[in-house]
Amino acid sequence: MNKILVFLMGLMLTSCNGQETKKPLTKNQKMDKQNLEYITFGGGCFWCVESCFNMLKGVDAAISGYSGGHKPNPTYEEVCTGETGHAEVVQIAYDPKIISYEQLMDVFFFLHDPTQLNRQGNDIGTQYRSVIFYKDEAEKQKAEAALKASEDSGRWNGKYVTELAKFEKFWPAEQYHQGYYNNNPTQPYCSAVVGPKIAKFKKHYGELGMLEADTE
């Protein structure tokens, strides 16, 4: 019984549910708002995804939130039950003259394992599903092409289970979720899961020159 309790405690320390918070991080606005387009997708816990996208050149803001469910204005606690149908997502405002939809898709598939159904590591449930929300048929076709290109590349071993769904509504997550890793880097989940993922991301996309110059 003691071994089981230790195991369960370990899982809690490396899952994104139930962490404390500090003040949210805000990102300086540097681009002309009239040039921005938006994309919404989910790749597991939004703390992991949001931090990385906010470092990219051409991304004005990456906001954590919820999409794909049936309950209006859901709370984090409700989404965590898996009963609202929402996925944890990030909505990205970006300047297509600086960074393309295809480049954002490449980052998306880099940051999570699209072969895992309704989970990412110890984060288990439909709220952690891999999903791309598209606005219209043209964007759906671009998403399908990006998904196929990534799957064909062999980056991940296995068949992709990423869902393509029509975008209906984005609900921003509670303010304390925004910039969560930056404000809570020593939290167990952040240090064990998010931090290493960010380090890997910085190395790969920093070498490609896609990160902001002031990224640490």
Protein backbone atom coordinates (compact mmCIF):
# COMPACT_ATOMS: atom_id res chain seq x y z
CA MET A 1 0.00 0.00 0.00
CA ASN A 2 2.84 2.42 0.82
CA LYS A 3 4.38 1.86 -2.61
CA ILE A 4 1.05 2.63 -4.27
CA LEU A 5 0.70 5.88 -2.31
CA VAL A 6 4.22 6.97 -3.29
CA PHE A 7 3.48 6.20 -6.94
CA LEU A 8 0.25 8.19 -6.90
CA MET A 9 1.96 11.14 -5.24
CA GLY A 10 4.60 11.06 -7.96
CA LEU A 11 1.95 11.26 -10.65
CA MET A 12 0.34 14.24 -8.93
CA LEU A 13 3.65 16.07 -8.85
CA THR A 14 4.08 15.63 -12.60
CA SER A 15 0.59 16.47 -13.79
CA CYS A 16 -0.64 19.97 -14.53
CA ASN A 17 -3.73 19.85 -12.30
CA GLY A 18 -3.82 21.54 -8.93
CA GLN A 19 -0.81 23.89 -8.95
CA GLU A 20 -0.64 27.21 -7.10
CA THR A 21 -0.17 30.53 -8.85
CA LYS A 22 1.42 33.95 -8.91
CA LYS A 23 0.64 37.06 -10.96
CA PRO A 24 0.21 36.42 -14.72
CA LEU A 25 2.80 37.42 -17.28
CA THR A 26 1.90 39.94 -19.98
CA LYS A 27 3.69 40.13 -23.32
CA ASN A 28 4.74 43.41 -24.88
CA GLN A 29 2.72 44.23 -27.97
CA LYS A 30 5.10 44.89 -30.84
CA MET A 31 3.10 44.33 -34.03
CA ASP A 32 0.39 46.08 -35.96
CA LYS A 33 -2.90 44.56 -34.78
CA GLN A 34 -4.39 44.89 -38.25
CA ASN A 35 -1.92 42.29 -39.57
CA LEU A 36 -2.74 39.59 -37.06
CA GLU A 37 -4.39 36.26 -37.74
CA TYR A 38 -5.47 33.64 -35.22
CA ILE A 39 -5.00 29.93 -34.80
CA THR A 40 -6.26 27.66 -32.01
CA PHE A 41 -5.03 24.20 -31.11
CA GLY A 42 -4.53 21.84 -28.19
CA GLY A 43 -1.49 19.71 -27.45
CA GLY A 44 -1.85 18.63 -23.84
CA CYS A 45 -1.42 20.93 -20.86
CA PHE A 46 -1.56 24.53 -22.08
CA TRP A 47 1.21 25.59 -19.67
CA CYS A 48 3.67 23.65 -21.86
CA VAL A 49 2.46 24.99 -25.19
CA GLU A 50 1.76 28.65 -24.40
CA SER A 51 5.22 29.47 -23.04
CA CYS A 52 6.99 28.28 -26.17
CA PHE A 53 4.74 30.02 -28.69
CA ASN A 54 5.17 33.31 -26.87
CA MET A 55 8.89 33.15 -27.68
CA LEU A 56 8.46 32.97 -31.45
CA LYS A 57 9.13 35.85 -33.79
CA GLY A 58 5.86 36.96 -35.35
CA VAL A 59 3.68 35.78 -32.46
CA ASP A 60 2.00 38.70 -30.76
CA ALA A 61 0.41 36.64 -27.98
CA ALA A 62 -0.36 33.03 -27.11
CA ILE A 63 -3.32 32.78 -24.74
CA SER A 64 -4.26 29.67 -22.76
CA GLY A 65 -7.93 28.69 -22.82
CA TYR A 66 -10.59 26.15 -23.68
CA SER A 67 -12.32 25.10 -26.92
CA GLY A 68 -14.38 22.29 -28.33
CA GLY A 69 -16.82 21.80 -25.45
CA HIS A 70 -20.51 22.30 -24.81
CA LYS A 71 -20.55 24.42 -21.62
CA PRO A 72 -20.29 28.22 -21.93
CA ASN A 73 -17.49 29.94 -20.05
CA PRO A 74 -16.10 26.82 -18.36
CA THR A 75 -13.78 26.97 -15.37
CA TYR A 76 -10.47 25.14 -15.11
CA GLU A 77 -11.90 22.83 -12.47
CA GLU A 78 -14.85 21.95 -14.72
CA VAL A 79 -12.63 21.29 -17.73
CA CYS A 80 -10.37 19.06 -15.61
CA THR A 81 -13.28 16.72 -14.95
CA GLY A 82 -13.46 15.95 -18.69
CA GLU A 83 -17.23 16.39 -18.57
CA THR A 84 -17.50 19.72 -20.43
CA GLY A 85 -15.97 18.35 -23.63
CA HIS A 86 -13.39 21.13 -23.84
CA ALA A 87 -9.73 20.72 -24.66
CA GLU A 88 -7.02 22.79 -23.06
CA VAL A 89 -5.89 24.94 -25.98
CA VAL A 90 -3.75 27.90 -26.88
CA GLN A 91 -5.01 30.63 -29.19
CA ILE A 92 -2.21 32.38 -31.04
CA ALA A 93 -2.32 35.85 -32.56
CA TYR A 94 0.40 36.05 -35.20
CA ASP A 95 1.60 38.17 -38.07
CA PRO A 96 1.60 35.97 -41.22
CA LYS A 97 4.17 38.27 -42.81
CA ILE A 98 6.67 37.18 -40.16
CA ILE A 99 5.68 33.59 -39.35
CA SER A 100 3.52 31.30 -41.46
CA TYR A 101 0.67 28.96 -40.59
CA GLU A 102 2.88 26.06 -41.69
CA GLN A 103 5.69 27.13 -39.36
CA LEU A 104 3.27 27.33 -36.45
CA MET A 105 2.02 23.85 -37.29
CA ASP A 106 5.60 22.56 -37.30
CA VAL A 107 6.11 23.97 -33.79
CA PHE A 108 2.78 22.50 -32.67
CA PHE A 109 3.77 18.98 -33.72
CA PHE A 110 7.22 19.45 -32.16
CA LEU A 111 5.80 20.37 -28.75
CA HIS A 112 3.56 17.36 -28.14
CA ASP A 113 3.18 13.73 -29.10
CA PRO A 114 0.30 13.56 -31.62
CA THR A 115 0.21 9.77 -31.46
CA GLN A 116 -1.13 9.72 -27.88
CA LEU A 117 -4.92 9.55 -27.67
CA ASN A 118 -6.51 11.79 -25.05
CA ARG A 119 -3.32 12.20 -23.05
CA GLN A 120 0.18 13.64 -22.91
CA GLY A 121 2.36 11.67 -20.53
CA ASN A 122 0.78 11.67 -17.07
CA ASP A 123 -1.90 14.17 -18.15
CA ILE A 124 -4.78 11.87 -19.04
CA GLY A 125 -8.25 12.80 -20.28
CA THR A 126 -10.05 14.21 -23.32
CA GLN A 127 -9.13 17.72 -22.17
CA TYR A 128 -5.52 16.88 -23.12
CA ARG A 129 -6.35 15.64 -26.62
CA SER A 130 -4.36 16.64 -29.68
CA VAL A 131 -6.63 18.90 -31.73
CA ILE A 132 -6.48 21.59 -34.41
CA PHE A 133 -9.44 23.95 -34.76
CA TYR A 134 -10.00 25.37 -38.23
CA LYS A 135 -12.11 28.40 -39.20
CA ASP A 136 -13.07 27.47 -42.75
CA GLU A 137 -12.53 24.89 -45.47
CA ALA A 138 -9.33 26.54 -46.72
CA GLU A 139 -7.78 26.42 -43.26
CA LYS A 140 -8.96 22.84 -42.81
CA GLN A 141 -7.08 21.88 -45.95
CA LYS A 142 -3.94 23.60 -44.68
CA ALA A 143 -4.26 21.77 -41.37
CA GLU A 144 -4.70 18.44 -43.16
CA ALA A 145 -1.62 19.11 -45.26
CA ALA A 146 0.46 20.09 -42.23
CA LEU A 147 -0.68 17.01 -40.32
CA LYS A 148 0.19 14.71 -43.22
CA ALA A 149 3.58 16.35 -43.72
CA SER A 150 4.46 15.90 -40.06
CA GLU A 151 3.25 12.30 -39.97
CA ASP A 152 5.14 11.46 -43.16
CA SER A 153 8.31 13.00 -41.73
CA GLY A 154 8.58 10.24 -39.13
CA ARG A 155 9.15 12.74 -36.33
CA TRP A 156 6.87 10.66 -34.09
CA ASN A 157 6.73 6.88 -34.26
CA GLY A 158 3.13 5.83 -34.81
CA LYS A 159 -0.14 6.97 -36.35
CA TYR A 160 -1.26 10.50 -35.53
CA VAL A 161 -4.54 10.80 -33.65
CA THR A 162 -4.78 14.60 -33.92
CA GLU A 163 -8.40 15.70 -34.25
CA LEU A 164 -9.48 18.33 -36.78
CA ALA A 165 -12.51 20.25 -35.55
CA LYS A 166 -14.47 23.29 -36.71
CA PHE A 167 -13.69 26.29 -34.54
CA GLU A 168 -16.71 27.64 -32.69
CA LYS A 169 -15.62 29.43 -29.53
CA PHE A 170 -12.49 30.16 -27.54
CA TRP A 171 -12.83 30.75 -23.82
CA PRO A 172 -9.71 32.34 -22.27
CA ALA A 173 -8.51 30.49 -19.20
CA GLU A 174 -8.40 32.15 -15.80
CA GLN A 175 -5.83 34.92 -15.57
CA TYR A 176 -3.46 32.94 -13.36
CA HIS A 177 -2.92 30.40 -16.16
CA GLN A 178 -1.48 33.01 -18.51
CA GLY A 179 2.31 32.87 -18.43
CA TYR A 180 2.06 30.17 -15.80
CA TYR A 181 5.52 28.66 -16.27
CA ASN A 182 7.27 32.05 -16.22
CA ASN A 183 5.62 32.83 -12.91
CA ASN A 184 5.96 29.35 -11.39
CA PRO A 185 9.16 27.75 -12.74
CA THR A 186 9.90 25.87 -9.51
CA GLN A 187 6.49 24.20 -9.23
CA PRO A 188 6.98 20.39 -9.47
CA TYR A 189 5.15 20.02 -12.79
CA CYS A 190 6.85 23.06 -14.28
CA SER A 191 10.36 21.99 -13.30
CA ALA A 192 9.84 18.32 -14.21
CA VAL A 193 7.83 18.64 -17.44
CA VAL A 194 7.53 22.17 -18.80
CA GLY A 195 11.12 23.28 -18.18
CA PRO A 196 12.81 20.43 -20.09
CA LYS A 197 10.34 20.84 -22.97
CA ILE A 198 11.12 24.56 -23.19
CA ALA A 199 14.86 23.86 -23.14
CA LYS A 200 14.48 21.42 -26.05
CA PHE A 201 12.31 23.91 -27.91
CA LYS A 202 14.79 26.77 -27.44
CA LYS A 203 17.66 24.70 -28.72
CA HIS A 204 15.84 23.52 -31.85
CA TYR A 205 14.07 26.73 -32.88
CA GLY A 206 16.82 29.01 -31.62
CA GLU A 207 19.17 27.34 -34.08
CA LEU A 208 16.60 28.04 -36.80
CA GLY A 209 16.51 31.73 -35.81
CA MET A 210 12.80 31.68 -35.01
CA LEU A 211 12.97 32.99 -31.44
CA GLU A 212 12.76 36.56 -30.18
CA ALA A 213 16.17 38.11 -29.59
CA ASP A 214 15.42 38.72 -25.91
CA THR A 215 14.53 35.07 -25.18
CA GLU A 216 16.66 33.85 -22.29
